[in-house]
Protein backbone atom coordinates (compact mmCIF):
# COMPACT_ATOMS: atom_id res chain seq x y z
CA UNK A 1 6.41 -78.72 -106.59
CA UNK A 2 6.69 -79.48 -110.29
CA UNK A 3 6.76 -76.05 -111.96
CA UNK A 4 10.18 -74.39 -112.09
CA UNK A 5 10.39 -71.41 -109.72
CA UNK A 6 11.71 -68.03 -110.81
CA UNK A 7 15.51 -68.37 -110.71
CA UNK A 8 17.43 -65.87 -108.57
CA UNK A 9 19.93 -68.17 -106.91
CA UNK A 10 22.09 -71.21 -107.64
CA UNK A 11 20.53 -74.64 -107.31
CA UNK A 12 21.64 -78.05 -106.06
CA UNK A 13 23.05 -80.12 -108.93
CA UNK A 14 24.19 -83.74 -109.16
CA UNK A 15 27.58 -82.56 -110.42
CA UNK A 16 28.11 -80.35 -107.36
CA UNK A 17 27.11 -83.19 -105.05
CA UNK A 18 29.51 -85.61 -106.75
CA UNK A 19 32.34 -83.11 -106.30
CA UNK A 20 31.40 -82.68 -102.65
CA UNK A 21 31.28 -86.43 -102.03
CA UNK A 22 34.89 -86.64 -103.17
CA UNK A 23 35.79 -84.58 -100.07
CA UNK A 24 34.31 -87.05 -97.59
CA UNK A 25 36.68 -88.22 -94.83
CA UNK A 26 39.44 -85.93 -96.12
CA UNK A 27 40.97 -83.70 -93.40
CA UNK A 28 40.07 -80.05 -93.94
CA UNK A 29 43.36 -78.17 -94.06
CA UNK A 30 42.25 -74.64 -94.91
CA UNK A 31 39.18 -72.92 -93.53
CA UNK A 32 38.17 -69.61 -91.97
CA UNK A 33 39.99 -68.93 -88.73
CA UNK A 34 37.92 -69.33 -85.56
CA UNK A 35 36.36 -66.43 -83.71
CA UNK A 36 38.22 -67.45 -80.53
CA UNK A 37 41.54 -69.24 -80.26
CA UNK A 38 41.68 -69.04 -76.45
CA UNK A 39 39.11 -69.39 -73.70
CA UNK A 40 39.91 -66.04 -72.11
CA UNK A 41 37.83 -64.49 -69.36
CA UNK A 42 36.27 -62.02 -71.81
CA UNK A 43 35.69 -64.54 -74.58
CA UNK A 44 33.91 -66.92 -72.21
CA UNK A 45 31.78 -64.15 -70.71
CA UNK A 46 30.86 -62.69 -74.09
CA UNK A 47 29.63 -66.08 -75.30
CA UNK A 48 27.74 -66.81 -72.09
CA UNK A 49 26.03 -63.42 -72.15
CA UNK A 50 25.23 -63.93 -75.84
CA UNK A 51 22.93 -66.82 -74.88
CA UNK A 52 21.59 -65.07 -71.78
CA UNK A 53 23.65 -67.15 -69.33
CA UNK A 54 25.11 -65.37 -66.27
CA UNK A 55 26.32 -68.48 -64.42
CA UNK A 56 29.15 -67.27 -62.13
CA UNK A 57 31.15 -70.43 -62.85
CA UNK A 58 31.92 -68.93 -66.26
CA UNK A 59 31.46 -65.24 -65.52
CA UNK A 60 32.84 -64.38 -62.05
CA UNK A 61 36.45 -65.34 -61.19
CA UNK A 62 36.02 -64.60 -57.46
CA UNK A 63 33.11 -67.05 -57.30
CA UNK A 64 34.78 -69.69 -59.49
CA UNK A 65 37.96 -69.56 -57.36
CA UNK A 66 36.03 -71.38 -54.61
CA UNK A 67 34.98 -74.27 -56.88
CA UNK A 68 36.86 -77.47 -57.71
CA UNK A 69 38.33 -75.72 -60.75
CA UNK A 70 39.89 -72.80 -58.86
CA UNK A 71 38.96 -70.38 -61.64
CA UNK A 72 36.32 -69.81 -64.27
CA UNK A 73 35.88 -72.46 -66.94
CA UNK A 74 34.22 -72.27 -70.34
CA UNK A 75 30.58 -73.23 -70.63
CA UNK A 76 30.25 -76.38 -72.80
CA UNK A 77 28.82 -74.57 -75.84
CA UNK A 78 31.70 -72.06 -75.87
CA UNK A 79 33.49 -74.46 -78.23
CA UNK A 80 31.23 -73.21 -81.03
CA UNK A 81 33.48 -70.14 -81.08
CA UNK A 82 36.61 -72.21 -81.69
CA UNK A 83 35.56 -73.78 -85.00
CA UNK A 84 33.74 -72.30 -87.97
CA UNK A 85 33.10 -75.84 -89.23
CA UNK A 86 31.07 -76.90 -86.17
CA UNK A 87 29.19 -73.61 -86.47
CA UNK A 88 28.02 -74.20 -90.05
CA UNK A 89 30.83 -73.03 -92.34
CA UNK A 90 30.11 -75.58 -95.08
CA UNK A 91 32.01 -76.10 -98.30
CA UNK A 92 30.85 -77.06 -101.77
CA UNK A 93 27.62 -76.33 -103.69
CA UNK A 94 28.42 -72.61 -104.03
CA UNK A 95 25.52 -70.18 -103.89
CA UNK A 96 23.14 -72.71 -102.29
CA UNK A 97 21.67 -71.81 -98.90
CA UNK A 98 22.91 -73.56 -95.74
CA UNK A 99 20.85 -73.78 -92.55
CA UNK A 100 22.46 -75.14 -89.37
CA UNK A 101 20.11 -77.85 -88.11
CA UNK A 102 21.66 -79.92 -85.35
CA UNK A 103 24.59 -81.37 -83.45
CA UNK A 104 25.70 -84.34 -81.38
CA UNK A 105 28.31 -83.29 -78.78
CA UNK A 106 30.50 -85.32 -76.43
CA UNK A 107 32.69 -83.61 -73.82
CA UNK A 108 35.65 -85.34 -72.18
CA UNK A 109 37.37 -82.59 -70.19
CA UNK A 110 36.53 -79.04 -69.08
CA UNK A 111 38.00 -76.14 -71.03
CA UNK A 112 39.97 -74.11 -68.49
CA UNK A 113 40.55 -70.37 -68.50
CA UNK A 114 43.14 -69.20 -71.07
CA UNK A 115 43.48 -72.61 -72.72
CA UNK A 116 43.99 -72.45 -76.46
CA UNK A 117 41.85 -74.85 -78.48
CA UNK A 118 42.90 -76.51 -81.72
CA UNK A 119 40.64 -78.56 -83.96
CA UNK A 120 40.59 -81.12 -86.74
CA UNK A 121 37.60 -81.61 -89.00
CA UNK A 122 36.30 -83.49 -92.00
CA UNK A 123 33.13 -83.96 -94.04
CA UNK A 124 31.51 -87.08 -92.62
CA UNK A 125 28.42 -87.68 -94.74
CA UNK A 126 25.89 -86.31 -97.23
CA UNK A 127 22.25 -87.41 -97.01
CA UNK A 128 19.53 -86.34 -99.44
CA UNK A 129 16.03 -85.51 -98.17
CA UNK A 130 12.67 -84.51 -99.61
CA UNK A 131 11.37 -81.65 -97.43
CA UNK A 132 8.27 -79.51 -97.03
CA UNK A 133 10.53 -76.50 -96.69
CA UNK A 134 12.29 -76.69 -100.06
CA UNK A 135 11.73 -80.02 -101.75
CA UNK A 136 15.13 -81.54 -102.42
CA UNK A 137 17.62 -80.83 -99.63
CA UNK A 138 21.02 -82.20 -98.67
CA UNK A 139 22.08 -82.83 -95.08
CA UNK A 140 25.79 -82.05 -94.90
CA UNK A 141 27.42 -83.58 -91.79
CA UNK A 142 30.83 -82.66 -90.42
CA UNK A 143 32.89 -84.11 -87.57
CA UNK A 144 35.15 -81.92 -85.43
CA UNK A 145 37.60 -82.84 -82.66
CA UNK A 146 38.74 -80.25 -80.09
CA UNK A 147 42.11 -80.39 -78.30
CA UNK A 148 43.65 -78.47 -75.40
CA UNK A 149 47.32 -77.37 -75.36
CA UNK A 150 48.42 -80.72 -73.87
CA UNK A 151 46.89 -82.49 -76.88
CA UNK A 152 44.05 -83.96 -74.85
CA UNK A 153 40.73 -84.46 -76.63
CA UNK A 154 38.39 -82.18 -74.69
CA UNK A 155 35.35 -82.66 -76.92
CA UNK A 156 34.12 -84.07 -80.22
CA UNK A 157 30.99 -83.37 -82.20
CA UNK A 158 29.04 -83.94 -85.36
CA UNK A 159 27.06 -81.00 -86.68
CA UNK A 160 24.95 -80.68 -89.79
CA UNK A 161 23.48 -78.11 -92.12
CA UNK A 162 20.71 -78.54 -94.66
CA UNK A 163 21.51 -77.18 -98.11
CA UNK A 164 18.32 -75.91 -99.72
CA UNK A 165 17.20 -74.35 -102.98
CA UNK A 166 16.30 -70.77 -102.04
CA UNK A 167 13.99 -70.25 -105.01
CA UNK A 168 12.16 -73.52 -104.44
CA UNK A 169 11.74 -72.75 -100.73
CA UNK A 170 10.47 -69.23 -101.39
CA UNK A 171 7.93 -70.02 -104.09
CA UNK A 172 6.88 -73.62 -103.53
CA UNK A 173 7.83 -74.64 -99.99
CA UNK A 174 4.80 -75.41 -97.81
CA UNK A 175 6.34 -75.62 -94.32
CA UNK A 176 5.52 -72.00 -93.41
CA UNK A 177 2.40 -71.36 -95.49
CA UNK A 178 0.21 -70.91 -92.40
CA UNK A 179 2.85 -68.91 -90.51
CA UNK A 180 3.22 -66.37 -93.34
CA UNK A 181 -0.56 -65.96 -93.50
CA UNK A 182 -0.78 -64.85 -89.88
CA UNK A 183 -0.77 -61.15 -89.02
CA UNK A 184 2.31 -59.88 -87.15
CA UNK A 185 2.23 -60.95 -83.51
CA UNK A 186 1.80 -58.09 -81.03
CA UNK A 187 2.08 -59.20 -77.41
CA UNK A 188 0.10 -57.88 -74.50
CA UNK A 189 1.83 -57.16 -71.20
CA UNK A 190 0.02 -60.16 -69.75
CA UNK A 191 1.39 -62.46 -72.44
CA UNK A 192 4.93 -61.19 -71.93
CA UNK A 193 4.57 -61.64 -68.18
CA UNK A 194 4.73 -65.43 -68.66
CA UNK A 195 8.26 -65.33 -70.00
CA UNK A 196 9.35 -62.57 -67.63
CA UNK A 197 8.09 -64.58 -64.65
CA UNK A 198 10.20 -67.52 -65.82
CA UNK A 199 13.26 -65.27 -66.07
CA UNK A 200 12.64 -63.99 -62.55
CA UNK A 201 12.36 -67.57 -61.26
CA UNK A 202 15.34 -68.97 -63.19
CA UNK A 203 17.68 -70.77 -60.78
CA UNK A 204 21.36 -71.62 -61.22
CA UNK A 205 22.12 -74.68 -59.07
CA UNK A 206 25.66 -73.45 -58.49
CA UNK A 207 27.56 -74.53 -55.40
CA UNK A 208 24.77 -76.74 -54.00
CA UNK A 209 25.60 -80.26 -55.23
CA UNK A 210 22.92 -82.24 -57.02
CA UNK A 211 23.69 -85.82 -56.03
CA UNK A 212 22.96 -88.73 -58.33
CA UNK A 213 21.14 -90.62 -55.58
CA UNK A 214 18.69 -87.74 -55.10
CA UNK A 215 17.55 -87.69 -58.73
CA UNK A 216 14.52 -89.76 -59.76
CA UNK A 217 13.48 -91.01 -63.19
CA UNK A 218 10.55 -88.88 -64.34
CA UNK A 219 11.84 -85.80 -62.51
CA UNK A 220 11.03 -82.64 -64.43
CA UNK A 221 13.50 -79.80 -64.97
CA UNK A 222 12.29 -76.22 -64.52
CA UNK A 223 10.99 -74.63 -67.72
CA UNK A 224 13.53 -72.23 -69.22
CA UNK A 225 12.38 -69.25 -71.28
CA UNK A 226 14.16 -67.69 -74.24
CA UNK A 227 12.90 -64.63 -76.09
CA UNK A 228 11.00 -62.70 -77.16
CA UNK A 229 13.12 -63.13 -80.28
CA UNK A 230 14.48 -59.83 -81.55
CA UNK A 231 17.15 -58.88 -84.05
CA UNK A 232 18.92 -57.28 -81.09
CA UNK A 233 19.05 -60.69 -79.42
CA UNK A 234 20.41 -62.35 -82.56
CA UNK A 235 23.15 -59.73 -82.77
CA UNK A 236 23.95 -60.22 -79.07
CA UNK A 237 24.61 -63.88 -79.85
CA UNK A 238 26.76 -63.03 -82.86
CA UNK A 239 28.88 -60.74 -80.65
CA UNK A 240 29.92 -63.71 -78.54
CA UNK A 241 29.94 -66.39 -81.23
CA UNK A 242 31.42 -64.37 -84.08
CA UNK A 243 29.10 -65.34 -86.91
CA UNK A 244 30.31 -67.05 -90.05
CA UNK A 245 30.51 -64.32 -92.67
CA UNK A 246 30.25 -61.00 -90.80
CA UNK A 247 33.08 -58.88 -92.22
CA UNK A 248 33.66 -55.17 -92.85
CA UNK A 249 35.17 -53.09 -95.63
CA UNK A 250 38.26 -54.66 -97.20
CA UNK A 251 37.73 -57.96 -95.40
CA UNK A 252 34.14 -58.13 -96.68
CA UNK A 253 35.39 -57.42 -100.20
CA UNK A 254 38.08 -60.09 -99.90
CA UNK A 255 35.54 -62.67 -98.72
CA UNK A 256 33.21 -62.05 -101.68
CA UNK A 257 36.16 -61.84 -104.08
CA UNK A 258 37.44 -65.25 -102.93
CA UNK A 259 33.97 -66.83 -102.69
CA UNK A 260 31.67 -65.13 -105.24
CA UNK A 261 28.69 -67.34 -104.30
CA UNK A 262 28.54 -65.64 -100.89
CA UNK A 263 27.95 -62.16 -102.25
CA UNK A 264 24.21 -61.63 -102.72
CA UNK A 265 23.26 -58.10 -103.67
CA UNK A 266 21.18 -56.15 -101.19
CA UNK A 267 18.65 -53.41 -102.01
CA UNK A 268 21.50 -51.00 -102.74
CA UNK A 269 23.10 -53.36 -105.25
CA UNK A 270 25.94 -54.18 -102.84
CA UNK A 271 27.03 -57.82 -102.52
CA UNK A 272 26.38 -58.80 -98.92
CA UNK A 273 26.65 -62.04 -96.95
CA UNK A 274 23.90 -64.71 -96.73
CA UNK A 275 24.07 -64.51 -92.93
CA UNK A 276 21.87 -61.44 -93.06
CA UNK A 277 18.84 -63.76 -92.98
CA UNK A 278 19.24 -63.32 -89.22
CA UNK A 279 18.68 -59.55 -89.23
CA UNK A 280 17.11 -58.66 -92.59
CA UNK A 281 13.51 -59.92 -92.84
CA UNK A 282 13.24 -59.19 -96.56
CA UNK A 283 16.17 -61.43 -97.36
CA UNK A 284 14.96 -64.15 -94.99
CA UNK A 285 11.67 -64.26 -96.93
CA UNK A 286 13.61 -64.56 -100.19
CA UNK A 287 15.15 -67.84 -99.02
CA UNK A 288 11.84 -69.29 -97.78
CA UNK A 289 12.11 -68.55 -94.07
CA UNK A 290 9.16 -66.96 -92.22
CA UNK A 291 11.25 -63.91 -91.21
CA UNK A 292 14.60 -62.98 -89.69
CA UNK A 293 15.40 -65.87 -87.36
CA UNK A 294 17.71 -67.09 -84.61
CA UNK A 295 21.00 -68.93 -85.12
CA UNK A 296 21.08 -72.73 -84.94
CA UNK A 297 24.15 -72.96 -82.66
CA UNK A 298 22.45 -70.39 -80.44
CA UNK A 299 19.45 -72.67 -79.94
CA UNK A 300 21.72 -75.66 -79.30
CA UNK A 301 23.48 -73.55 -76.64
CA UNK A 302 20.13 -72.72 -75.02
CA UNK A 303 19.52 -76.43 -74.52
CA UNK A 304 22.91 -76.92 -72.85
CA UNK A 305 22.26 -73.79 -70.74
CA UNK A 306 19.09 -75.50 -69.50
CA UNK A 307 21.18 -78.51 -68.43
CA UNK A 308 24.08 -76.66 -66.80
CA UNK A 309 21.70 -74.55 -64.69
CA UNK A 310 20.20 -77.78 -63.37
CA UNK A 311 23.35 -79.84 -62.76
CA UNK A 312 25.35 -77.38 -60.63
CA UNK A 313 29.07 -76.69 -60.36
CA UNK A 314 29.94 -80.29 -59.46
CA UNK A 315 28.11 -81.77 -62.43
CA UNK A 316 29.71 -82.33 -65.82
CA UNK A 317 27.84 -82.36 -69.13
CA UNK A 318 29.06 -85.44 -70.96
CA UNK A 319 26.83 -85.44 -74.03
CA UNK A 320 24.13 -83.36 -75.67
CA UNK A 321 22.18 -83.57 -78.88
CA UNK A 322 20.10 -80.96 -80.67
CA UNK A 323 17.72 -81.41 -83.59
CA UNK A 324 16.11 -78.23 -84.92
CA UNK A 325 12.58 -78.61 -86.24
CA UNK A 326 11.61 -75.09 -87.36
CA UNK A 327 12.82 -71.48 -87.52
CA UNK A 328 12.36 -69.12 -84.58
CA UNK A 329 11.59 -65.81 -86.33
CA UNK A 330 11.73 -62.50 -84.50
CA UNK A 331 8.67 -62.15 -82.29
CA UNK A 332 8.70 -65.79 -81.17
CA UNK A 333 8.94 -66.94 -77.58
CA UNK A 334 10.52 -70.26 -76.64
CA UNK A 335 9.88 -72.55 -73.66
CA UNK A 336 12.40 -75.33 -72.96
CA UNK A 337 11.36 -78.34 -70.89
CA UNK A 338 13.22 -81.44 -69.79
CA UNK A 339 12.65 -84.73 -67.98
CA UNK A 340 14.95 -87.36 -66.52
CA UNK A 341 14.44 -90.57 -68.48
CA UNK A 342 17.29 -92.76 -67.19
CA UNK A 343 19.82 -93.15 -64.37
CA UNK A 344 22.82 -95.40 -64.95
CA UNK A 345 26.46 -96.01 -64.12
CA UNK A 346 29.39 -96.31 -66.50
CA UNK A 347 32.32 -97.53 -64.48
CA UNK A 348 32.85 -94.98 -61.72
CA UNK A 349 30.62 -92.39 -63.41
CA UNK A 350 27.10 -91.74 -62.14
CA UNK A 351 25.04 -90.53 -65.08
CA UNK A 352 21.59 -89.13 -65.75
CA UNK A 353 19.95 -88.95 -69.17
CA UNK A 354 17.57 -86.07 -69.84
CA UNK A 355 15.09 -85.62 -72.67
CA UNK A 356 14.44 -82.04 -73.81
CA UNK A 357 12.00 -80.26 -76.09
CA UNK A 358 11.08 -76.65 -76.75
CA UNK A 359 7.92 -75.12 -78.19
CA UNK A 360 7.07 -71.59 -79.21
CA UNK A 361 4.21 -69.41 -77.98
CA UNK A 362 1.78 -71.27 -80.27
CA UNK A 363 2.82 -74.71 -79.05
CA UNK A 364 4.75 -75.49 -82.26
CA UNK A 365 7.76 -77.76 -81.79
CA UNK A 366 11.00 -75.84 -82.25
CA UNK A 367 13.79 -78.19 -81.16
CA UNK A 368 14.42 -81.61 -79.61
CA UNK A 369 17.41 -82.47 -77.48
CA UNK A 370 18.97 -84.92 -75.06
CA UNK A 371 21.65 -84.60 -72.44
CA UNK A 372 23.77 -86.98 -70.38
CA UNK A 373 24.99 -85.38 -67.15
CA UNK A 374 27.56 -86.82 -64.75
CA UNK A 375 26.63 -86.02 -61.15
CA UNK A 376 28.49 -86.39 -57.85
CA UNK A 377 27.64 -89.42 -55.74
CA UNK A 378 27.23 -89.66 -51.95
């Protein structure tokens, strides 16, 4: 990766990194407003449906009224809608691509219906990497705290994006050399039947308690399917999550006017947002990706969906991590697996630790995760 690539986009510079480091541990006072301020019935349902989750605990008030909560609650990953920062709205290094790549969540309390959520956030760390995808890359880590109207801390999380040189990734990155060389994948009905059979068999534990004493180390969670990846599916997620830069008309103009590095001209010469890597294959290829691809917070939410299906209404997801290892371009399938690796107690809490991983249709590792679930005890 020694020869200079053809320059179309801004690059990572030492000066920009020094300016960004000066922001570390400084509270972020001004940022884009969240997609959702309140956990309303519709907001919760839209997010749940955006990840393909129809759990009645978040979607059906008549069902949820019979649970310990007395009403619907927000699924754990709903909090992505309440902060642009946790979702990948990064500052500094203007014009340089940002790819959401992971998170480490801790939940303390459930988010109840109609609760308003407030947040505080700061830049926690910057770590430089040498990658196969784009050579020099910067991991930009933020911390966000989430509060309910009483001021209680309901959750906290670190999330990170990788800032990458688009030109370097496009012309000299080697991560997806083999993927780009493959012909477009066309599935047979028999191949699709594997994922459809998993959808048909998907079970929500629901009102049947899963007791801590009944869980064994080594126990395997049912495989969860996601996909086939389509642009339609990516847009379905953005409907519930809100996206980062999706704006129309005057608001789109204002965004580009205030942040010129965001406006990248499309084939009509119109400045458009960098988020279109998720629905415009041509632009995705320009930044080094193998094609239009899924959202990072979406994939993190799939992992927590896997856990909440398994734990049931009386379980509580205490912690979850997600580390993304590759893009899921349109056409991919994803298969999420999990295994119990530890049972332990923390005071009065009975906890189970679960290890997760997901591979695509070719067996390529897509994401790694962990979860710690609190379960009821006999």
